[in-house]
Amino acid sequence: MLGYLLGAIPFGLLLTRFAGAGDLRAIGSGNIGATNVLRTGRKGLAAATLILDVAKGAAAVLLARWINPEYALLGGLAAFLGHCYPAWLRFHGGKGVATFLGIALALSWPVGLVYAAVWLTVLAVFRYSSVGGMAAAVSAPLAAALWSEFEMAILFLALCLIVLWKHRSNIERLLGGDEPRVGQAAAVSGGESGEHHG
């Protein structure tokens, strides 16, 4: 329950609302993650959302491990489900990429570093936030298995499948050639934001 409650804190939604940027669910994709926060034109808020979403995943694992080392994997799973399916947002949460990173770093920092490296590299090369996030998610169970962390690999495989499921609309847009790149999304949404608040 503690892991779920930590994961279910919608930092993107809270930060944009407190900053006067409006309801994040009515902007861009309607997602509560850092990528959609970037569409408000507030880079600082997007960075803060990213950091806090990573931190809450790591915090849930560390808290669970402090209570009982055997609960660490369960704490990570609970935080991830809380982020993706928060009860107080009618189970419409984020896509889990940043929270997954925090969980991976807390459970096994080498796997977390692989995750982060894949995410940043693919994002830098293709400039699609969705492609970077999905590639990172796929890398986590593979890296865990490579380090013979098989229980962790099973958990990460489950989280990876949820990440891919949450990105199904992005996959459709990628196949249709309609997925905006990171720079394009920020520029377009920034203009839209200006119109709405103008």
N, C-alpha and C. Protein backbone atom coordinates (compact mmCIF):
# COMPACT_ATOMS: atom_id res chain seq x y z
N MET A 1 0.83 -1.22 0.00
CA MET A 1 0.00 0.00 0.00
C MET A 1 0.86 1.26 0.00
N LEU A 2 1.93 1.25 0.77
CA LEU A 2 2.81 2.42 0.80
C LEU A 2 3.44 2.64 -0.57
N GLY A 3 3.88 1.56 -1.20
CA GLY A 3 4.46 1.68 -2.53
C GLY A 3 3.46 2.22 -3.54
N TYR A 4 2.24 1.73 -3.48
CA TYR A 4 1.19 2.20 -4.39
C TYR A 4 0.90 3.68 -4.16
N LEU A 5 0.80 4.08 -2.88
CA LEU A 5 0.51 5.48 -2.57
C LEU A 5 1.62 6.41 -3.04
N LEU A 6 2.87 5.97 -2.89
CA LEU A 6 3.98 6.77 -3.38
C LEU A 6 3.91 6.90 -4.90
N GLY A 7 3.73 5.77 -5.56
CA GLY A 7 3.69 5.78 -7.01
C GLY A 7 2.53 6.57 -7.58
N ALA A 8 1.44 6.64 -6.83
CA ALA A 8 0.22 7.29 -7.33
C ALA A 8 0.22 8.80 -7.15
N ILE A 9 1.29 9.36 -6.58
CA ILE A 9 1.37 10.83 -6.48
C ILE A 9 1.58 11.39 -7.89
N PRO A 10 0.61 12.14 -8.43
CA PRO A 10 0.71 12.64 -9.81
C PRO A 10 1.50 13.95 -9.88
N PHE A 11 2.82 13.85 -9.78
CA PHE A 11 3.64 15.05 -9.69
C PHE A 11 3.45 15.99 -10.88
N GLY A 12 3.35 15.43 -12.09
CA GLY A 12 3.16 16.27 -13.26
C GLY A 12 1.89 17.10 -13.16
N LEU A 13 0.81 16.45 -12.76
CA LEU A 13 -0.47 17.13 -12.62
C LEU A 13 -0.42 18.20 -11.53
N LEU A 14 0.20 17.86 -10.40
CA LEU A 14 0.26 18.79 -9.27
C LEU A 14 1.15 19.99 -9.59
N LEU A 15 2.32 19.75 -10.19
CA LEU A 15 3.25 20.84 -10.47
C LEU A 15 2.67 21.83 -11.48
N THR A 16 2.06 21.30 -12.54
CA THR A 16 1.50 22.20 -13.55
C THR A 16 0.32 23.00 -13.00
N ARG A 17 -0.46 22.36 -12.15
CA ARG A 17 -1.60 23.07 -11.55
C ARG A 17 -1.13 24.17 -10.61
N PHE A 18 -0.14 23.85 -9.75
CA PHE A 18 0.37 24.85 -8.81
C PHE A 18 1.09 25.99 -9.54
N ALA A 19 1.66 25.69 -10.71
CA ALA A 19 2.38 26.71 -11.47
C ALA A 19 1.45 27.54 -12.35
N GLY A 20 0.16 27.22 -12.34
CA GLY A 20 -0.80 27.97 -13.12
C GLY A 20 -0.81 27.61 -14.59
N ALA A 21 -0.31 26.40 -14.92
CA ALA A 21 -0.27 25.97 -16.32
C ALA A 21 -1.53 25.23 -16.74
N GLY A 22 -2.50 25.15 -15.86
CA GLY A 22 -3.76 24.50 -16.20
C GLY A 22 -3.77 23.02 -15.85
N ASP A 23 -4.84 22.36 -16.28
CA ASP A 23 -5.00 20.93 -16.03
C ASP A 23 -4.23 20.16 -17.09
N LEU A 24 -3.20 19.44 -16.68
CA LEU A 24 -2.34 18.72 -17.61
C LEU A 24 -3.12 17.72 -18.45
N ARG A 25 -4.22 17.20 -17.90
CA ARG A 25 -5.00 16.21 -18.62
C ARG A 25 -5.74 16.80 -19.81
N ALA A 26 -5.80 18.14 -19.88
CA ALA A 26 -6.46 18.81 -21.00
C ALA A 26 -5.45 19.36 -22.01
N ILE A 27 -4.17 18.99 -21.83
CA ILE A 27 -3.09 19.50 -22.67
C ILE A 27 -2.46 18.35 -23.44
N GLY A 28 -2.14 18.57 -24.69
CA GLY A 28 -1.41 17.57 -25.47
C GLY A 28 -2.09 16.22 -25.48
N SER A 29 -1.34 15.20 -25.03
CA SER A 29 -1.85 13.84 -25.01
C SER A 29 -2.77 13.57 -23.83
N GLY A 30 -2.78 14.49 -22.84
CA GLY A 30 -3.57 14.28 -21.64
C GLY A 30 -2.87 13.43 -20.61
N ASN A 31 -1.65 12.99 -20.92
CA ASN A 31 -0.88 12.16 -20.01
C ASN A 31 -0.31 13.01 -18.87
N ILE A 32 -0.02 12.39 -17.72
CA ILE A 32 0.47 13.16 -16.58
C ILE A 32 1.98 13.09 -16.42
N GLY A 33 2.69 12.54 -17.42
CA GLY A 33 4.13 12.39 -17.34
C GLY A 33 4.90 13.61 -17.80
N ALA A 34 6.24 13.50 -17.71
CA ALA A 34 7.13 14.62 -18.00
C ALA A 34 7.04 15.07 -19.46
N THR A 35 6.87 14.12 -20.40
CA THR A 35 6.81 14.50 -21.81
C THR A 35 5.63 15.42 -22.07
N ASN A 36 4.50 15.13 -21.47
CA ASN A 36 3.34 16.00 -21.68
C ASN A 36 3.49 17.32 -20.92
N VAL A 37 4.17 17.30 -19.78
CA VAL A 37 4.44 18.55 -19.07
C VAL A 37 5.27 19.46 -19.97
N LEU A 38 6.20 18.87 -20.74
CA LEU A 38 7.03 19.66 -21.65
C LEU A 38 6.18 20.38 -22.69
N ARG A 39 5.03 19.81 -23.01
CA ARG A 39 4.15 20.44 -23.99
C ARG A 39 3.50 21.72 -23.48
N THR A 40 3.62 21.98 -22.19
CA THR A 40 3.12 23.24 -21.66
C THR A 40 4.12 24.37 -21.92
N GLY A 41 5.32 24.00 -22.38
CA GLY A 41 6.37 24.98 -22.60
C GLY A 41 7.19 25.26 -21.35
N ARG A 42 6.91 24.57 -20.27
CA ARG A 42 7.63 24.78 -19.00
C ARG A 42 8.70 23.68 -18.84
N LYS A 43 9.90 23.94 -19.34
CA LYS A 43 10.96 22.94 -19.28
C LYS A 43 11.36 22.60 -17.85
N GLY A 44 11.34 23.61 -16.97
CA GLY A 44 11.68 23.37 -15.58
C GLY A 44 10.70 22.44 -14.90
N LEU A 45 9.40 22.63 -15.19
CA LEU A 45 8.38 21.75 -14.62
C LEU A 45 8.53 20.33 -15.16
N ALA A 46 8.87 20.22 -16.45
CA ALA A 46 9.05 18.89 -17.05
C ALA A 46 10.22 18.17 -16.39
N ALA A 47 11.33 18.90 -16.17
CA ALA A 47 12.50 18.30 -15.53
C ALA A 47 12.17 17.88 -14.09
N ALA A 48 11.44 18.74 -13.38
CA ALA A 48 11.06 18.41 -12.00
C ALA A 48 10.16 17.18 -11.96
N THR A 49 9.22 17.10 -12.91
CA THR A 49 8.33 15.94 -12.98
C THR A 49 9.12 14.68 -13.22
N LEU A 50 10.06 14.74 -14.16
CA LEU A 50 10.90 13.58 -14.46
C LEU A 50 11.66 13.11 -13.23
N ILE A 51 12.30 14.05 -12.54
CA ILE A 51 13.10 13.70 -11.36
C ILE A 51 12.23 13.11 -10.26
N LEU A 52 11.08 13.72 -10.01
CA LEU A 52 10.20 13.25 -8.94
C LEU A 52 9.58 11.89 -9.27
N ASP A 53 9.26 11.66 -10.55
CA ASP A 53 8.70 10.36 -10.93
C ASP A 53 9.75 9.26 -10.80
N VAL A 54 11.01 9.58 -11.11
CA VAL A 54 12.10 8.63 -10.89
C VAL A 54 12.26 8.38 -9.39
N ALA A 55 12.26 9.47 -8.63
CA ALA A 55 12.51 9.38 -7.19
C ALA A 55 11.45 8.57 -6.46
N LYS A 56 10.19 8.71 -6.86
CA LYS A 56 9.15 7.98 -6.13
C LYS A 56 9.25 6.48 -6.38
N GLY A 57 9.69 6.08 -7.57
CA GLY A 57 9.90 4.66 -7.82
C GLY A 57 11.02 4.10 -6.96
N ALA A 58 12.12 4.86 -6.90
CA ALA A 58 13.26 4.43 -6.07
C ALA A 58 12.89 4.43 -4.59
N ALA A 59 12.15 5.45 -4.16
CA ALA A 59 11.78 5.55 -2.74
C ALA A 59 10.90 4.38 -2.31
N ALA A 60 10.00 3.96 -3.19
CA ALA A 60 9.12 2.84 -2.84
C ALA A 60 9.93 1.56 -2.63
N VAL A 61 10.91 1.33 -3.51
CA VAL A 61 11.76 0.14 -3.38
C VAL A 61 12.58 0.21 -2.09
N LEU A 62 13.19 1.36 -1.83
CA LEU A 62 14.03 1.51 -0.64
C LEU A 62 13.22 1.38 0.64
N LEU A 63 12.02 1.94 0.65
CA LEU A 63 11.15 1.83 1.82
C LEU A 63 10.75 0.38 2.06
N ALA A 64 10.36 -0.31 0.99
CA ALA A 64 9.98 -1.71 1.12
C ALA A 64 11.16 -2.56 1.60
N ARG A 65 12.35 -2.26 1.07
CA ARG A 65 13.55 -3.01 1.47
C ARG A 65 13.88 -2.75 2.93
N TRP A 66 13.63 -1.52 3.39
CA TRP A 66 13.90 -1.17 4.79
C TRP A 66 12.95 -1.94 5.71
N ILE A 67 11.70 -2.09 5.29
CA ILE A 67 10.73 -2.85 6.09
C ILE A 67 11.11 -4.32 6.11
N ASN A 68 11.40 -4.84 4.93
CA ASN A 68 11.81 -6.24 4.80
C ASN A 68 12.47 -6.40 3.44
N PRO A 69 13.74 -6.85 3.37
CA PRO A 69 14.43 -6.98 2.09
C PRO A 69 13.66 -7.80 1.05
N GLU A 70 12.84 -8.73 1.52
CA GLU A 70 12.08 -9.55 0.59
C GLU A 70 10.94 -8.78 -0.09
N TYR A 71 10.62 -7.60 0.42
CA TYR A 71 9.52 -6.81 -0.14
C TYR A 71 9.97 -5.85 -1.23
N ALA A 72 11.26 -5.80 -1.53
CA ALA A 72 11.77 -4.78 -2.44
C ALA A 72 11.11 -4.86 -3.82
N LEU A 73 11.03 -6.07 -4.39
CA LEU A 73 10.42 -6.22 -5.71
C LEU A 73 8.94 -5.84 -5.67
N LEU A 74 8.27 -6.25 -4.61
CA LEU A 74 6.85 -5.94 -4.46
C LEU A 74 6.63 -4.43 -4.33
N GLY A 75 7.52 -3.77 -3.60
CA GLY A 75 7.41 -2.32 -3.46
C GLY A 75 7.55 -1.62 -4.80
N GLY A 76 8.49 -2.10 -5.63
CA GLY A 76 8.66 -1.52 -6.95
C GLY A 76 7.44 -1.74 -7.83
N LEU A 77 6.90 -2.94 -7.81
CA LEU A 77 5.71 -3.24 -8.59
C LEU A 77 4.54 -2.36 -8.16
N ALA A 78 4.36 -2.21 -6.85
CA ALA A 78 3.25 -1.41 -6.34
C ALA A 78 3.37 0.04 -6.76
N ALA A 79 4.59 0.59 -6.70
CA ALA A 79 4.80 1.98 -7.10
C ALA A 79 4.51 2.17 -8.59
N PHE A 80 4.93 1.21 -9.39
CA PHE A 80 4.70 1.30 -10.83
C PHE A 80 3.20 1.27 -11.14
N LEU A 81 2.49 0.36 -10.50
CA LEU A 81 1.04 0.28 -10.71
C LEU A 81 0.34 1.54 -10.21
N GLY A 82 0.84 2.11 -9.11
CA GLY A 82 0.27 3.34 -8.60
C GLY A 82 0.44 4.49 -9.58
N HIS A 83 1.61 4.54 -10.21
CA HIS A 83 1.85 5.61 -11.18
C HIS A 83 0.98 5.44 -12.43
N CYS A 84 0.92 4.22 -12.94
CA CYS A 84 0.18 3.97 -14.18
C CYS A 84 -1.33 3.94 -13.98
N TYR A 85 -1.75 3.50 -12.79
CA TYR A 85 -3.19 3.34 -12.53
C TYR A 85 -3.57 3.92 -11.17
N PRO A 86 -3.46 5.25 -10.99
CA PRO A 86 -3.81 5.85 -9.69
C PRO A 86 -5.32 5.87 -9.48
N ALA A 87 -5.74 5.40 -8.33
CA ALA A 87 -7.18 5.27 -8.05
C ALA A 87 -7.88 6.62 -8.11
N TRP A 88 -7.22 7.70 -7.60
CA TRP A 88 -7.91 8.99 -7.53
C TRP A 88 -7.93 9.73 -8.86
N LEU A 89 -7.32 9.17 -9.89
CA LEU A 89 -7.44 9.74 -11.24
C LEU A 89 -8.19 8.76 -12.14
N ARG A 90 -9.07 7.96 -11.52
CA ARG A 90 -9.87 6.97 -12.23
C ARG A 90 -8.99 5.99 -13.01
N PHE A 91 -7.81 5.71 -12.43
CA PHE A 91 -6.87 4.74 -12.97
C PHE A 91 -6.26 5.17 -14.31
N HIS A 92 -6.31 6.47 -14.60
CA HIS A 92 -5.68 7.01 -15.81
C HIS A 92 -4.41 7.75 -15.38
N GLY A 93 -3.29 7.05 -15.38
CA GLY A 93 -2.04 7.65 -14.93
C GLY A 93 -1.04 7.80 -16.05
N GLY A 94 0.24 7.80 -15.66
CA GLY A 94 1.32 7.96 -16.63
C GLY A 94 1.66 6.66 -17.32
N LYS A 95 2.71 6.72 -18.15
CA LYS A 95 3.11 5.54 -18.92
C LYS A 95 4.24 4.76 -18.27
N GLY A 96 4.77 5.28 -17.16
CA GLY A 96 5.65 4.48 -16.32
C GLY A 96 7.12 4.50 -16.63
N VAL A 97 7.56 5.22 -17.65
CA VAL A 97 8.96 5.13 -18.07
C VAL A 97 9.91 5.67 -17.00
N ALA A 98 9.63 6.86 -16.48
CA ALA A 98 10.51 7.46 -15.47
C ALA A 98 10.45 6.69 -14.15
N THR A 99 9.27 6.27 -13.75
CA THR A 99 9.13 5.52 -12.50
C THR A 99 9.84 4.17 -12.61
N PHE A 100 9.77 3.56 -13.78
CA PHE A 100 10.49 2.31 -14.05
C PHE A 100 11.99 2.52 -13.84
N LEU A 101 12.52 3.65 -14.30
CA LEU A 101 13.94 3.94 -14.12
C LEU A 101 14.30 3.99 -12.64
N GLY A 102 13.49 4.67 -11.84
CA GLY A 102 13.76 4.75 -10.41
C GLY A 102 13.75 3.39 -9.75
N ILE A 103 12.80 2.56 -10.14
CA ILE A 103 12.70 1.20 -9.60
C ILE A 103 13.94 0.40 -9.97
N ALA A 104 14.35 0.50 -11.24
CA ALA A 104 15.52 -0.24 -11.70
C ALA A 104 16.79 0.20 -10.98
N LEU A 105 16.96 1.51 -10.81
CA LEU A 105 18.15 2.02 -10.12
C LEU A 105 18.21 1.54 -8.68
N ALA A 106 17.06 1.52 -8.00
CA ALA A 106 17.03 1.11 -6.60
C ALA A 106 17.22 -0.40 -6.42
N LEU A 107 16.73 -1.18 -7.37
CA LEU A 107 16.85 -2.63 -7.27
C LEU A 107 18.22 -3.12 -7.72
N SER A 108 18.74 -2.52 -8.79
CA SER A 108 20.04 -2.93 -9.33
C SER A 108 20.59 -1.77 -10.16
N TRP A 109 21.52 -1.02 -9.57
CA TRP A 109 21.99 0.18 -10.27
C TRP A 109 22.61 -0.11 -11.64
N PRO A 110 23.30 -1.27 -11.84
CA PRO A 110 23.80 -1.52 -13.20
C PRO A 110 22.67 -1.62 -14.23
N VAL A 111 21.59 -2.29 -13.85
CA VAL A 111 20.43 -2.39 -14.75
C VAL A 111 19.84 -1.00 -14.97
N GLY A 112 19.78 -0.22 -13.91
CA GLY A 112 19.27 1.14 -14.04
C GLY A 112 20.11 1.99 -14.97
N LEU A 113 21.42 1.82 -14.93
CA LEU A 113 22.30 2.57 -15.81
C LEU A 113 22.11 2.15 -17.27
N VAL A 114 21.94 0.85 -17.50
CA VAL A 114 21.65 0.38 -18.85
C VAL A 114 20.35 1.00 -19.35
N TYR A 115 19.33 0.97 -18.50
CA TYR A 115 18.02 1.55 -18.83
C TYR A 115 18.18 3.01 -19.22
N ALA A 116 18.87 3.78 -18.38
CA ALA A 116 19.04 5.21 -18.64
C ALA A 116 19.83 5.45 -19.92
N ALA A 117 20.89 4.66 -20.13
CA ALA A 117 21.73 4.83 -21.32
C ALA A 117 20.94 4.54 -22.60
N VAL A 118 20.14 3.48 -22.58
CA VAL A 118 19.33 3.13 -23.75
C VAL A 118 18.30 4.23 -24.00
N TRP A 119 17.63 4.66 -22.94
CA TRP A 119 16.61 5.71 -23.06
C TRP A 119 17.19 6.97 -23.70
N LEU A 120 18.30 7.47 -23.14
CA LEU A 120 18.89 8.71 -23.62
C LEU A 120 19.47 8.57 -25.03
N THR A 121 20.10 7.42 -25.30
CA THR A 121 20.70 7.23 -26.62
C THR A 121 19.65 7.16 -27.71
N VAL A 122 18.63 6.35 -27.49
CA VAL A 122 17.57 6.21 -28.51
C VAL A 122 16.82 7.53 -28.67
N LEU A 123 16.59 8.23 -27.58
CA LEU A 123 15.92 9.53 -27.65
C LEU A 123 16.76 10.53 -28.44
N ALA A 124 18.07 10.53 -28.19
CA ALA A 124 18.95 11.47 -28.89
C ALA A 124 19.03 11.17 -30.38
N VAL A 125 19.02 9.88 -30.73
CA VAL A 125 19.15 9.48 -32.13
C VAL A 125 17.86 9.71 -32.91
N PHE A 126 16.72 9.27 -32.34
CA PHE A 126 15.45 9.30 -33.08
C PHE A 126 14.56 10.48 -32.72
N ARG A 127 14.79 11.06 -31.53
CA ARG A 127 14.01 12.22 -31.05
C ARG A 127 12.53 11.91 -30.88
N TYR A 128 12.22 10.65 -30.66
CA TYR A 128 10.86 10.26 -30.30
C TYR A 128 10.88 9.84 -28.83
N SER A 129 10.16 10.56 -27.99
CA SER A 129 10.13 10.22 -26.57
C SER A 129 9.59 8.80 -26.36
N SER A 130 8.57 8.44 -27.12
CA SER A 130 7.95 7.13 -26.95
C SER A 130 8.92 6.00 -27.32
N VAL A 131 9.68 6.18 -28.39
CA VAL A 131 10.62 5.15 -28.83
C VAL A 131 11.72 4.97 -27.79
N GLY A 132 12.23 6.07 -27.25
CA GLY A 132 13.25 5.99 -26.21
C GLY A 132 12.75 5.27 -24.98
N GLY A 133 11.53 5.61 -24.55
CA GLY A 133 10.96 4.97 -23.36
C GLY A 133 10.71 3.49 -23.55
N MET A 134 10.17 3.13 -24.71
CA MET A 134 9.89 1.71 -24.96
C MET A 134 11.17 0.91 -25.09
N ALA A 135 12.18 1.47 -25.75
CA ALA A 135 13.46 0.78 -25.89
C ALA A 135 14.09 0.56 -24.52
N ALA A 136 14.03 1.57 -23.66
CA ALA A 136 14.57 1.43 -22.31
C ALA A 136 13.85 0.34 -21.53
N ALA A 137 12.53 0.31 -21.65
CA ALA A 137 11.74 -0.70 -20.94
C ALA A 137 12.11 -2.11 -21.40
N VAL A 138 12.33 -2.27 -22.69
CA VAL A 138 12.71 -3.58 -23.22
C VAL A 138 14.10 -3.98 -22.73
N SER A 139 14.98 -2.99 -22.56
CA SER A 139 16.36 -3.30 -22.15
C SER A 139 16.45 -3.81 -20.72
N ALA A 140 15.50 -3.40 -19.86
CA ALA A 140 15.60 -3.72 -18.43
C ALA A 140 15.54 -5.23 -18.14
N PRO A 141 14.53 -5.97 -18.62
CA PRO A 141 14.53 -7.41 -18.33
C PRO A 141 15.72 -8.13 -18.97
N LEU A 142 16.16 -7.66 -20.13
CA LEU A 142 17.32 -8.29 -20.77
C LEU A 142 18.58 -8.08 -19.94
N ALA A 143 18.76 -6.85 -19.43
CA ALA A 143 19.94 -6.56 -18.61
C ALA A 143 19.89 -7.33 -17.30
N ALA A 144 18.71 -7.42 -16.68
CA ALA A 144 18.58 -8.16 -15.43
C ALA A 144 18.90 -9.64 -15.65
N ALA A 145 18.43 -10.20 -16.74
CA ALA A 145 18.72 -11.60 -17.05
C ALA A 145 20.21 -11.79 -17.30
N LEU A 146 20.84 -10.82 -17.95
CA LEU A 146 22.28 -10.89 -18.22
C LEU A 146 23.08 -10.94 -16.93
N TRP A 147 22.60 -10.23 -15.91
CA TRP A 147 23.26 -10.25 -14.60
C TRP A 147 22.72 -11.36 -13.69
N SER A 148 21.98 -12.29 -14.28
CA SER A 148 21.44 -13.46 -13.57
C SER A 148 20.49 -13.08 -12.43
N GLU A 149 19.83 -11.95 -12.58
CA GLU A 149 18.81 -11.53 -11.60
C GLU A 149 17.46 -11.94 -12.17
N PHE A 150 17.15 -13.24 -12.07
CA PHE A 150 16.02 -13.77 -12.82
C PHE A 150 14.67 -13.34 -12.23
N GLU A 151 14.54 -13.26 -10.91
CA GLU A 151 13.30 -12.77 -10.33
C GLU A 151 13.06 -11.32 -10.75
N MET A 152 14.12 -10.54 -10.74
CA MET A 152 14.02 -9.16 -11.16
C MET A 152 13.68 -9.08 -12.65
N ALA A 153 14.26 -9.95 -13.44
CA ALA A 153 13.98 -9.97 -14.88
C ALA A 153 12.50 -10.24 -15.15
N ILE A 154 11.91 -11.14 -14.36
CA ILE A 154 10.48 -11.43 -14.53
C ILE A 154 9.64 -10.20 -14.20
N LEU A 155 9.99 -9.53 -13.08
CA LEU A 155 9.28 -8.30 -12.71
C LEU A 155 9.42 -7.26 -13.82
N PHE A 156 10.65 -7.07 -14.30
CA PHE A 156 10.90 -6.05 -15.31
C PHE A 156 10.20 -6.40 -16.63
N LEU A 157 10.08 -7.68 -16.92
CA LEU A 157 9.34 -8.08 -18.12
C LEU A 157 7.88 -7.67 -18.00
N ALA A 158 7.30 -7.87 -16.82
CA ALA A 158 5.91 -7.47 -16.59
C ALA A 158 5.74 -5.96 -16.72
N LEU A 159 6.70 -5.21 -16.14
CA LEU A 159 6.63 -3.75 -16.24
C LEU A 159 6.81 -3.31 -17.69
N CYS A 160 7.71 -3.97 -18.41
CA CYS A 160 7.94 -3.65 -19.81
C CYS A 160 6.66 -3.83 -20.63
N LEU A 161 5.96 -4.92 -20.39
CA LEU A 161 4.72 -5.17 -21.14
C LEU A 161 3.67 -4.10 -20.86
N ILE A 162 3.63 -3.63 -19.60
CA ILE A 162 2.68 -2.56 -19.26
C ILE A 162 3.08 -1.27 -19.96
N VAL A 163 4.39 -0.97 -19.99
CA VAL A 163 4.87 0.22 -20.68
C VAL A 163 4.48 0.17 -22.16
N LEU A 164 4.69 -0.98 -22.79
CA LEU A 164 4.34 -1.12 -24.21
C LEU A 164 2.83 -0.96 -24.41
N TRP A 165 2.04 -1.52 -23.52
CA TRP A 165 0.59 -1.40 -23.60
C TRP A 165 0.16 0.06 -23.46
N LYS A 166 0.79 0.78 -22.53
CA LYS A 166 0.43 2.18 -22.32
C LYS A 166 0.84 3.05 -23.51
N HIS A 167 1.79 2.56 -24.32
CA HIS A 167 2.25 3.30 -25.49
C HIS A 167 1.57 2.84 -26.78
N ARG A 168 0.48 2.10 -26.68
CA ARG A 168 -0.13 1.54 -27.90
C ARG A 168 -0.57 2.63 -28.88
N SER A 169 -1.06 3.77 -28.36
CA SER A 169 -1.46 4.85 -29.27
C SER A 169 -0.23 5.46 -29.94
N ASN A 170 0.88 5.53 -29.19
CA ASN A 170 2.12 6.03 -29.79
C ASN A 170 2.60 5.10 -30.90
N ILE A 171 2.47 3.79 -30.67
CA ILE A 171 2.88 2.82 -31.67
C ILE A 171 2.05 3.00 -32.94
N GLU A 172 0.76 3.22 -32.78
CA GLU A 172 -0.10 3.45 -33.94
C GLU A 172 0.33 4.70 -34.71
N ARG A 173 0.67 5.76 -33.98
CA ARG A 173 1.10 6.99 -34.64
C ARG A 173 2.46 6.82 -35.31
N LEU A 174 3.34 6.05 -34.67
CA LEU A 174 4.64 5.78 -35.29
C LEU A 174 4.47 5.03 -36.60
N LEU A 175 3.61 4.04 -36.59
CA LEU A 175 3.36 3.26 -37.81
C LEU A 175 2.70 4.12 -38.89
N GLY A 176 1.90 5.09 -38.45
CA GLY A 176 1.22 5.96 -39.41
C GLY A 176 2.01 7.20 -39.78
N GLY A 177 3.19 7.35 -39.16
CA GLY A 177 4.03 8.51 -39.45
C GLY A 177 3.53 9.80 -38.83
N ASP A 178 2.70 9.70 -37.80
CA ASP A 178 2.10 10.89 -37.19
C ASP A 178 2.66 11.22 -35.81
N GLU A 179 3.60 10.44 -35.33
CA GLU A 179 4.14 10.68 -33.99
C GLU A 179 5.06 11.89 -34.02
N PRO A 180 4.78 12.92 -33.18
CA PRO A 180 5.65 14.10 -33.18
C PRO A 180 6.97 13.82 -32.47
N ARG A 181 8.03 14.42 -32.98
CA ARG A 181 9.32 14.33 -32.30
C ARG A 181 9.31 15.27 -31.11
N VAL A 182 10.29 15.11 -30.23
CA VAL A 182 10.29 15.88 -28.99
C VAL A 182 10.30 17.38 -29.26
N GLY A 183 11.19 17.86 -30.12
CA GLY A 183 11.25 19.28 -30.42
C GLY A 183 9.99 19.80 -31.07
N GLN A 184 9.46 19.02 -31.99
CA GLN A 184 8.24 19.41 -32.69
C GLN A 184 7.07 19.49 -31.73
N ALA A 185 6.96 18.51 -30.84
CA ALA A 185 5.86 18.49 -29.87
C ALA A 185 5.90 19.71 -28.98
N ALA A 186 7.11 20.07 -28.53
CA ALA A 186 7.23 21.22 -27.64
C ALA A 186 6.88 22.51 -28.35
N ALA A 187 7.32 22.60 -29.64
CA ALA A 187 7.05 23.83 -30.36
C ALA A 187 5.58 23.99 -30.67
N VAL A 188 4.95 22.90 -31.13
CA VAL A 188 3.53 22.97 -31.48
C VAL A 188 2.69 23.23 -30.26
N SER A 189 2.97 22.48 -29.18
CA SER A 189 2.15 22.63 -27.99
C SER A 189 2.37 23.99 -27.35
N GLY A 190 3.62 24.49 -27.49
CA GLY A 190 3.87 25.81 -26.93
C GLY A 190 2.99 26.84 -27.59
N GLY A 191 2.83 26.70 -28.95
CA GLY A 191 1.96 27.62 -29.65
C GLY A 191 0.52 27.45 -29.23
N GLU A 192 0.11 26.20 -29.07
CA GLU A 192 -1.27 25.95 -28.64
C GLU A 192 -1.49 26.52 -27.25
N SER A 193 -0.47 26.33 -26.39
CA SER A 193 -0.62 26.83 -25.03
C SER A 193 -0.78 28.34 -25.04
N GLY A 194 0.01 29.00 -25.92
CA GLY A 194 -0.09 30.44 -25.99
C GLY A 194 -1.47 30.89 -26.44
N GLU A 195 -2.06 30.15 -27.37
CA GLU A 195 -3.39 30.51 -27.85
C GLU A 195 -4.42 30.35 -26.74
N HIS A 196 -4.30 29.27 -26.00
CA HIS A 196 -5.29 29.01 -24.96
C HIS A 196 -5.22 30.05 -23.84
N HIS A 197 -3.98 30.50 -23.54
CA HIS A 197 -3.84 31.42 -22.42
C HIS A 197 -3.79 32.87 -22.85
N GLY A 198 -3.83 33.08 -24.17
CA GLY A 198 -3.66 34.44 -24.67
C GLY A 198 -4.85 35.33 -24.46
